[in-house]
Amino acid sequence: MRSSFASHRGLTLMKSPNSRQEASRRRWAVACAMVGLALVSGVIGTLTHKPSDISTKASTGPFSYFPTD
């Protein structure tokens, strides 16, 4: 039979996180989700990008709607 004064009595209970720790954990989770979404979007955009989609000559300005050719 085990002694009641044994140094190890089984599983030790941990203190539950308080509301400040939970809010901090939620903030970190949201920030990591946003960064992850941005990275995934960038990778998908890079993989689906075709070099011929972008013209070499930028056509911006007040007269960009009129053809110059």
N, C-alpha and C. Protein backbone atom coordinates (compact mmCIF):
# COMPACT_ATOMS: atom_id res chain seq x y z
N MET A 1 0.83 -1.18 0.00
CA MET A 1 0.00 0.00 0.00
C MET A 1 0.88 1.25 0.00
N ARG A 2 0.50 2.24 -0.80
CA ARG A 2 1.30 3.46 -0.90
C ARG A 2 1.08 4.36 0.31
N SER A 3 2.10 5.06 0.64
CA SER A 3 2.01 6.00 1.75
C SER A 3 1.33 7.27 1.27
N SER A 4 0.60 7.92 2.10
CA SER A 4 -0.04 9.18 1.74
C SER A 4 0.96 10.32 1.68
N PHE A 5 2.19 10.06 2.16
CA PHE A 5 3.23 11.08 2.14
C PHE A 5 4.20 10.89 0.97
N ALA A 6 3.82 10.10 0.00
CA ALA A 6 4.68 9.88 -1.16
C ALA A 6 4.85 11.18 -1.94
N SER A 7 6.02 11.32 -2.55
CA SER A 7 6.31 12.58 -3.24
C SER A 7 5.50 12.72 -4.53
N HIS A 8 5.12 11.64 -5.13
CA HIS A 8 4.38 11.71 -6.39
C HIS A 8 3.03 11.06 -6.21
N ARG A 9 1.98 11.83 -6.35
CA ARG A 9 0.63 11.32 -6.12
C ARG A 9 -0.17 11.19 -7.40
N GLY A 10 0.44 11.13 -8.53
CA GLY A 10 -0.30 11.00 -9.77
C GLY A 10 -0.25 12.28 -10.57
N LEU A 11 -1.26 12.51 -11.36
CA LEU A 11 -1.29 13.69 -12.22
C LEU A 11 -1.50 14.95 -11.40
N THR A 12 -0.76 15.97 -11.76
CA THR A 12 -0.95 17.25 -11.08
C THR A 12 -1.88 18.11 -11.92
N LEU A 13 -2.76 18.79 -11.27
CA LEU A 13 -3.72 19.65 -11.97
C LEU A 13 -3.06 20.98 -12.30
N MET A 14 -3.35 21.47 -13.49
CA MET A 14 -2.81 22.76 -13.90
C MET A 14 -3.88 23.83 -13.71
N LYS A 15 -3.42 25.02 -13.50
CA LYS A 15 -4.33 26.14 -13.34
C LYS A 15 -4.91 26.52 -14.69
N SER A 16 -6.18 26.78 -14.77
CA SER A 16 -6.80 27.17 -16.04
C SER A 16 -6.38 28.59 -16.39
N PRO A 17 -6.27 28.89 -17.70
CA PRO A 17 -5.84 30.24 -18.09
C PRO A 17 -6.91 31.27 -17.75
N ASN A 18 -6.46 32.45 -17.37
CA ASN A 18 -7.42 33.51 -17.07
C ASN A 18 -7.85 34.21 -18.36
N SER A 19 -8.76 35.14 -18.24
CA SER A 19 -9.32 35.78 -19.43
C SER A 19 -8.28 36.56 -20.21
N ARG A 20 -7.29 37.11 -19.54
CA ARG A 20 -6.23 37.85 -20.23
C ARG A 20 -5.37 36.93 -21.07
N GLN A 21 -5.07 35.76 -20.54
CA GLN A 21 -4.29 34.78 -21.31
C GLN A 21 -5.09 34.25 -22.49
N GLU A 22 -6.37 34.02 -22.29
CA GLU A 22 -7.22 33.54 -23.39
C GLU A 22 -7.33 34.58 -24.49
N ALA A 23 -7.48 35.85 -24.13
CA ALA A 23 -7.55 36.92 -25.13
C ALA A 23 -6.24 37.02 -25.90
N SER A 24 -5.13 36.89 -25.19
CA SER A 24 -3.83 36.94 -25.85
C SER A 24 -3.68 35.77 -26.82
N ARG A 25 -4.12 34.60 -26.40
CA ARG A 25 -4.04 33.43 -27.27
C ARG A 25 -4.91 33.61 -28.50
N ARG A 26 -6.10 34.20 -28.32
CA ARG A 26 -6.99 34.45 -29.47
C ARG A 26 -6.36 35.45 -30.42
N ARG A 27 -5.76 36.51 -29.88
CA ARG A 27 -5.11 37.52 -30.73
C ARG A 27 -3.98 36.89 -31.54
N TRP A 28 -3.17 36.07 -30.91
CA TRP A 28 -2.08 35.40 -31.62
C TRP A 28 -2.63 34.48 -32.70
N ALA A 29 -3.72 33.77 -32.40
CA ALA A 29 -4.30 32.86 -33.38
C ALA A 29 -4.82 33.63 -34.59
N VAL A 30 -5.47 34.75 -34.36
CA VAL A 30 -6.00 35.56 -35.47
C VAL A 30 -4.85 36.14 -36.28
N ALA A 31 -3.82 36.64 -35.61
CA ALA A 31 -2.67 37.21 -36.33
C ALA A 31 -1.97 36.14 -37.16
N CYS A 32 -1.79 34.95 -36.61
CA CYS A 32 -1.16 33.87 -37.36
C CYS A 32 -2.02 33.42 -38.53
N ALA A 33 -3.34 33.41 -38.34
CA ALA A 33 -4.23 33.03 -39.44
C ALA A 33 -4.16 34.05 -40.56
N MET A 34 -4.08 35.34 -40.22
CA MET A 34 -3.99 36.38 -41.26
C MET A 34 -2.67 36.27 -42.02
N VAL A 35 -1.58 36.06 -41.31
CA VAL A 35 -0.28 35.92 -41.96
C VAL A 35 -0.25 34.67 -42.84
N GLY A 36 -0.83 33.59 -42.35
CA GLY A 36 -0.90 32.36 -43.13
C GLY A 36 -1.72 32.54 -44.39
N LEU A 37 -2.85 33.22 -44.28
CA LEU A 37 -3.68 33.47 -45.45
C LEU A 37 -2.95 34.34 -46.47
N ALA A 38 -2.23 35.35 -45.99
CA ALA A 38 -1.48 36.20 -46.90
C ALA A 38 -0.38 35.41 -47.61
N LEU A 39 0.30 34.54 -46.88
CA LEU A 39 1.36 33.73 -47.51
C LEU A 39 0.79 32.76 -48.53
N VAL A 40 -0.30 32.11 -48.19
CA VAL A 40 -0.92 31.16 -49.13
C VAL A 40 -1.41 31.90 -50.37
N SER A 41 -2.02 33.07 -50.18
CA SER A 41 -2.49 33.85 -51.33
C SER A 41 -1.33 34.27 -52.22
N GLY A 42 -0.22 34.67 -51.62
CA GLY A 42 0.95 35.05 -52.40
C GLY A 42 1.53 33.89 -53.18
N VAL A 43 1.58 32.72 -52.56
CA VAL A 43 2.11 31.54 -53.25
C VAL A 43 1.20 31.15 -54.40
N ILE A 44 -0.10 31.15 -54.17
CA ILE A 44 -1.04 30.81 -55.24
C ILE A 44 -0.95 31.84 -56.37
N GLY A 45 -0.85 33.12 -56.03
CA GLY A 45 -0.72 34.15 -57.05
C GLY A 45 0.55 34.01 -57.85
N THR A 46 1.63 33.63 -57.18
CA THR A 46 2.90 33.44 -57.88
C THR A 46 2.85 32.24 -58.80
N LEU A 47 2.22 31.17 -58.35
CA LEU A 47 2.15 29.96 -59.17
C LEU A 47 1.21 30.11 -60.36
N THR A 48 0.17 30.92 -60.25
CA THR A 48 -0.79 31.07 -61.34
C THR A 48 -0.49 32.26 -62.23
N HIS A 49 0.53 33.05 -61.91
CA HIS A 49 0.88 34.25 -62.67
C HIS A 49 1.57 33.86 -63.98
N LYS A 50 1.15 34.47 -65.06
CA LYS A 50 1.81 34.27 -66.35
C LYS A 50 2.60 35.54 -66.67
N PRO A 51 3.83 35.42 -67.08
CA PRO A 51 4.63 36.62 -67.37
C PRO A 51 4.05 37.46 -68.51
N SER A 52 3.27 36.88 -69.39
CA SER A 52 2.72 37.65 -70.50
C SER A 52 1.50 38.48 -70.10
N ASP A 53 1.01 38.30 -68.87
CA ASP A 53 -0.15 39.06 -68.42
C ASP A 53 0.15 40.54 -68.21
N ILE A 54 1.39 40.85 -67.88
CA ILE A 54 1.75 42.24 -67.59
C ILE A 54 2.43 42.83 -68.82
N SER A 55 1.92 43.95 -69.27
CA SER A 55 2.56 44.61 -70.42
C SER A 55 3.81 45.33 -69.94
N THR A 56 4.76 45.49 -70.81
CA THR A 56 6.00 46.15 -70.45
C THR A 56 5.82 47.66 -70.35
N LYS A 57 4.87 48.20 -71.09
CA LYS A 57 4.63 49.63 -71.06
C LYS A 57 3.40 49.92 -70.20
N ALA A 58 3.59 50.72 -69.18
CA ALA A 58 2.47 51.06 -68.30
C ALA A 58 1.55 52.03 -69.03
N SER A 59 0.25 51.76 -68.98
CA SER A 59 -0.70 52.63 -69.67
C SER A 59 -1.59 53.33 -68.66
N THR A 60 -0.99 54.24 -67.94
CA THR A 60 -1.77 55.03 -66.99
C THR A 60 -1.59 56.50 -67.33
N GLY A 61 -2.52 57.29 -66.94
CA GLY A 61 -2.46 58.72 -67.21
C GLY A 61 -3.79 59.21 -67.76
N PRO A 62 -3.86 60.50 -68.04
CA PRO A 62 -5.15 61.06 -68.48
C PRO A 62 -5.56 60.62 -69.88
N PHE A 63 -4.61 60.20 -70.73
CA PHE A 63 -4.93 59.84 -72.11
C PHE A 63 -4.75 58.34 -72.34
N SER A 64 -4.81 57.54 -71.31
CA SER A 64 -4.56 56.10 -71.47
C SER A 64 -5.71 55.38 -72.16
N TYR A 65 -6.87 56.01 -72.26
CA TYR A 65 -8.01 55.35 -72.92
C TYR A 65 -7.99 55.53 -74.43
N PHE A 66 -7.16 56.42 -74.93
CA PHE A 66 -7.10 56.67 -76.36
C PHE A 66 -5.94 55.86 -76.95
N PRO A 67 -6.18 55.14 -78.03
CA PRO A 67 -5.09 54.38 -78.64
C PRO A 67 -4.03 55.30 -79.25
N THR A 68 -2.77 54.95 -79.08
CA THR A 68 -1.69 55.76 -79.63
C THR A 68 -1.10 55.13 -80.88
N ASP A 69 -1.47 53.91 -81.23
CA ASP A 69 -0.91 53.24 -82.40
C ASP A 69 -1.66 53.61 -83.65
